[in-house]
Protein backbone atom coordinates (compact mmCIF):
# COMPACT_ATOMS: atom_id res chain seq x y z
CA MET A 1 0.00 0.00 0.00
CA LYS A 2 1.20 3.44 -0.85
CA LYS A 3 1.03 6.38 1.50
CA ARG A 4 -0.07 9.65 0.01
CA SER A 5 2.36 12.54 -0.22
CA HIS A 6 2.12 15.37 2.28
CA PHE A 7 0.59 17.66 -0.37
CA ALA A 8 -1.91 14.97 -1.43
CA GLY A 9 -2.91 14.50 2.22
CA ILE A 10 -3.54 18.23 2.65
CA PHE A 11 -5.49 18.37 -0.63
CA GLU A 12 -7.58 15.35 0.31
CA LYS A 13 -8.40 16.62 3.81
CA PHE A 14 -9.40 20.03 2.43
CA PHE A 15 -11.79 18.61 -0.19
CA GLU A 16 -13.14 15.42 1.37
CA ILE A 17 -16.68 15.53 2.70
CA VAL A 18 -17.39 16.00 6.38
CA ASP A 19 -18.96 13.05 8.21
CA ASP A 20 -22.60 13.53 9.09
CA ASN A 21 -23.45 13.83 12.76
CA LEU A 22 -24.87 10.49 13.92
CA GLN A 23 -27.52 11.49 16.43
CA GLN A 24 -29.82 8.50 16.29
CA LYS A 25 -29.65 4.74 15.94
CA VAL A 26 -30.47 3.61 12.41
CA ASP A 27 -31.89 0.45 10.90
CA VAL A 28 -28.79 -0.41 8.88
CA VAL A 29 -25.23 0.63 8.18
CA ILE A 30 -24.40 0.21 4.49
CA GLY A 31 -20.81 -0.41 3.40
CA ILE A 32 -20.02 0.51 -0.21
CA GLY A 33 -17.32 -1.82 -1.53
CA ILE A 34 -14.48 -0.61 -3.67
CA ASP A 35 -12.20 -3.22 -5.19
CA LEU A 36 -10.61 -6.53 -4.23
CA THR A 37 -7.00 -7.59 -3.75
CA GLN A 38 -5.01 -8.32 -6.90
CA ASP A 39 -5.72 -12.05 -6.66
CA GLY A 40 -9.44 -11.36 -6.14
CA LYS A 41 -9.56 -13.46 -2.96
CA LYS A 42 -9.88 -10.74 -0.31
CA ALA A 43 -11.26 -7.28 0.26
CA SER A 44 -8.98 -4.50 -0.97
CA PRO A 45 -7.59 -2.16 1.70
CA TYR A 46 -10.43 0.25 0.80
CA SER A 47 -13.18 -2.35 1.14
CA ARG A 48 -11.56 -3.74 4.29
CA ALA A 49 -11.59 -0.27 5.88
CA VAL A 50 -15.26 0.13 4.92
CA ALA A 51 -16.17 -3.27 6.42
CA LEU A 52 -14.32 -2.51 9.65
CA LYS A 53 -15.97 0.93 9.96
CA CYS A 54 -19.37 -0.74 9.49
CA LEU A 55 -18.49 -3.27 12.21
CA HIS A 56 -17.35 -0.46 14.52
CA LEU A 57 -20.63 1.44 14.08
CA PHE A 58 -22.64 -1.77 14.56
CA ARG A 59 -20.76 -2.61 17.78
CA GLN A 60 -21.26 0.95 19.04
CA GLY A 61 -25.00 0.36 18.73
CA LYS A 62 -25.43 2.91 15.93
CA ALA A 63 -27.19 0.38 13.63
CA ASN A 64 -29.24 -2.80 13.95
CA ASN A 65 -27.93 -4.44 10.76
CA ILE A 66 -25.05 -4.32 8.27
CA LEU A 67 -25.61 -4.31 4.51
CA LEU A 68 -22.46 -4.69 2.38
CA SER A 69 -22.83 -3.62 -1.24
CA GLY A 70 -20.64 -4.41 -4.23
CA GLY A 71 -20.75 -6.84 -7.12
CA TYR A 72 -17.32 -6.20 -8.68
CA SER A 73 -15.50 -9.54 -8.99
CA LEU A 74 -12.44 -11.14 -10.55
CA ASN A 75 -14.36 -14.41 -11.04
CA THR A 76 -13.98 -15.28 -7.37
CA LEU A 77 -15.62 -13.25 -4.61
CA THR A 78 -17.58 -10.05 -5.03
CA GLU A 79 -16.65 -6.94 -3.07
CA ALA A 80 -19.63 -7.53 -0.75
CA GLU A 81 -18.67 -11.15 -0.10
CA ALA A 82 -15.05 -10.18 0.55
CA MET A 83 -16.11 -7.47 3.00
CA ALA A 84 -18.43 -9.96 4.71
CA GLN A 85 -15.44 -12.31 5.19
CA VAL A 86 -13.66 -9.55 7.10
CA ILE A 87 -16.41 -9.17 9.71
CA SER A 88 -18.69 -12.24 9.50
CA ARG A 89 -17.36 -13.91 12.66
CA LYS A 90 -18.12 -10.76 14.65
CA VAL A 91 -21.70 -10.14 13.50
CA PRO A 92 -24.74 -12.40 13.95
CA LYS A 93 -25.55 -13.96 10.57
CA ARG A 94 -29.14 -12.69 10.73
CA ARG A 95 -27.78 -9.11 10.94
CA LEU A 96 -25.39 -9.28 7.95
CA PHE A 97 -26.67 -8.75 4.40
CA PRO A 98 -24.33 -8.90 1.37
CA GLU A 99 -25.66 -7.27 -1.80
CA THR A 100 -23.72 -8.63 -4.79
CA GLY A 101 -25.67 -7.42 -7.81
CA SER A 102 -24.37 -3.87 -8.19
CA HIS A 103 -21.30 -2.80 -10.15
CA ARG A 104 -21.27 1.01 -9.94
CA THR A 105 -22.38 3.59 -7.38
CA PRO A 106 -25.84 4.13 -8.96
CA GLY A 107 -26.28 0.35 -8.93
CA ASN A 108 -25.33 0.28 -5.24
CA ALA A 109 -28.05 2.85 -4.57
CA GLN A 110 -30.68 0.96 -6.59
CA GLU A 111 -29.93 -2.48 -5.15
CA CYS A 112 -29.65 -1.22 -1.57
CA LEU A 113 -32.96 0.62 -1.94
CA LYS A 114 -34.64 -2.68 -2.90
CA ILE A 115 -33.29 -4.29 0.27
CA MET A 116 -34.30 -1.26 2.37
CA LYS A 117 -37.87 -1.52 1.06
CA LYS A 118 -37.99 -5.31 1.53
CA HIS A 119 -37.08 -4.98 5.21
CA LYS A 120 -39.05 -1.75 5.71
CA TRP A 121 -35.92 0.04 6.90
CA THR A 122 -36.22 3.82 6.98
CA SER A 123 -32.78 4.97 8.14
CA ALA A 124 -29.22 4.19 7.10
CA ILE A 125 -25.61 5.16 7.63
CA LEU A 126 -23.60 4.95 4.41
CA VAL A 127 -19.91 4.11 4.80
CA ALA A 128 -17.51 4.69 1.91
CA GLN A 129 -13.76 5.13 1.41
CA GLN A 130 -12.72 8.68 2.25
CA TRP A 131 -12.44 10.01 -1.31
CA HIS A 132 -15.20 7.84 -2.81
CA ALA A 133 -17.62 9.08 -0.12
CA ARG A 134 -18.36 12.37 -1.90
CA ARG A 135 -19.79 10.58 -4.95
CA VAL A 136 -21.58 7.99 -2.81
CA LYS A 137 -23.22 10.75 -0.75
CA ALA A 138 -24.34 12.74 -3.81
CA THR A 139 -25.63 9.66 -5.66
CA PHE A 140 -27.58 8.10 -2.78
CA ARG A 141 -29.06 11.44 -1.69
CA LYS A 142 -30.35 12.15 -5.20
CA MET A 143 -31.53 8.61 -6.03
CA TRP A 144 -33.19 8.13 -2.63
CA LYS A 145 -34.76 11.59 -2.47
CA GLY A 146 -38.43 11.35 -1.55
CA LYS A 147 -38.17 7.66 -0.60
CA GLY A 148 -38.68 8.30 3.13
CA ILE A 149 -35.21 7.18 4.17
CA ASP A 150 -32.96 9.15 6.51
CA ILE A 151 -29.34 8.95 5.28
CA TYR A 152 -26.13 9.70 7.15
CA VAL A 153 -22.72 9.40 5.47
CA VAL A 154 -19.37 8.69 7.13
CA LYS A 155 -15.94 7.94 5.73
CA ALA A 156 -13.69 4.92 6.25
CA HIS A 157 -10.06 5.99 5.95
CA SER A 158 -7.59 3.76 4.15
CA SER A 159 -4.21 3.94 2.47
CA TYR A 160 -4.02 3.81 -1.31
CA GLY A 161 -2.88 0.77 -3.30
CA GLY A 162 -3.10 -2.95 -2.69
CA GLY A 163 -6.12 -3.51 -4.89
CA SER A 164 -6.72 -5.06 -8.29
CA GLN A 165 -7.36 -1.77 -10.11
CA LYS A 166 -4.25 0.29 -10.92
CA ARG A 167 -6.38 3.43 -11.23
CA LEU A 168 -6.80 3.32 -7.44
CA ASP A 169 -3.10 2.82 -6.57
CA SER A 170 -2.38 6.35 -5.42
CA PHE A 171 -4.36 9.30 -4.18
CA TRP A 172 -3.82 11.22 -7.41
CA ARG A 173 -4.94 8.34 -9.64
CA PHE A 174 -7.93 7.72 -7.38
CA PHE A 175 -8.73 11.45 -7.36
CA ILE A 176 -8.69 11.68 -11.16
CA TRP A 177 -10.70 8.48 -11.66
CA ASP A 178 -13.32 9.32 -9.05
CA SER A 179 -13.57 12.97 -10.14
CA VAL A 180 -14.22 11.93 -13.74
CA SER A 181 -16.73 9.33 -12.51
CA PHE A 182 -18.40 12.02 -10.39
CA LEU A 183 -18.73 14.32 -13.42
CA VAL A 184 -20.11 11.49 -15.59
CA SER A 185 -22.59 10.61 -12.82
CA LYS A 186 -23.71 14.26 -12.66
CA TRP A 187 -24.04 14.37 -16.46
CA LYS A 188 -26.15 11.19 -16.42
CA GLY A 189 -28.31 12.62 -13.62
CA TYR A 190 -27.32 10.13 -10.91
CA CYS A 191 -26.16 12.84 -8.53
């Protein structure tokens, strides 16, 4: 894993979103997966950080359930399944829900909304990697607007690198990729 440069760290801290204030217990904490390890057999450092943040919030009593979202796969595990491996021994099985059908942030929002409706959940904490969180927040807030669901967003901090996608290997690559994705999502009306 690569550490970001001092300048990149300052830039990231200045522009990353601020965590929402978690004032109430919610029905579910939703972890948004982002990548796998290079061999596709484990959660990437980003997805691992997301899973552990979800576990932390669950153990703090901030949420009743954990929903892990992500269908990206290298013909082995999906992001959601890999994140579930990280925390499954520490969460009752009936409280852990992997969502493996989504492949992009709008898909995460759509698939998670289906699960929210199925269980009649009306409140959620979204957890995403620190830089990815800005697009996750914008996308979920727009796509879930008017659906009667309270949303709070918090970041899971991780180092860069260690995943299967080279575009995520450093802060600057991640920044460029996610910024372009954010602009495309805005253009398509997702956020």
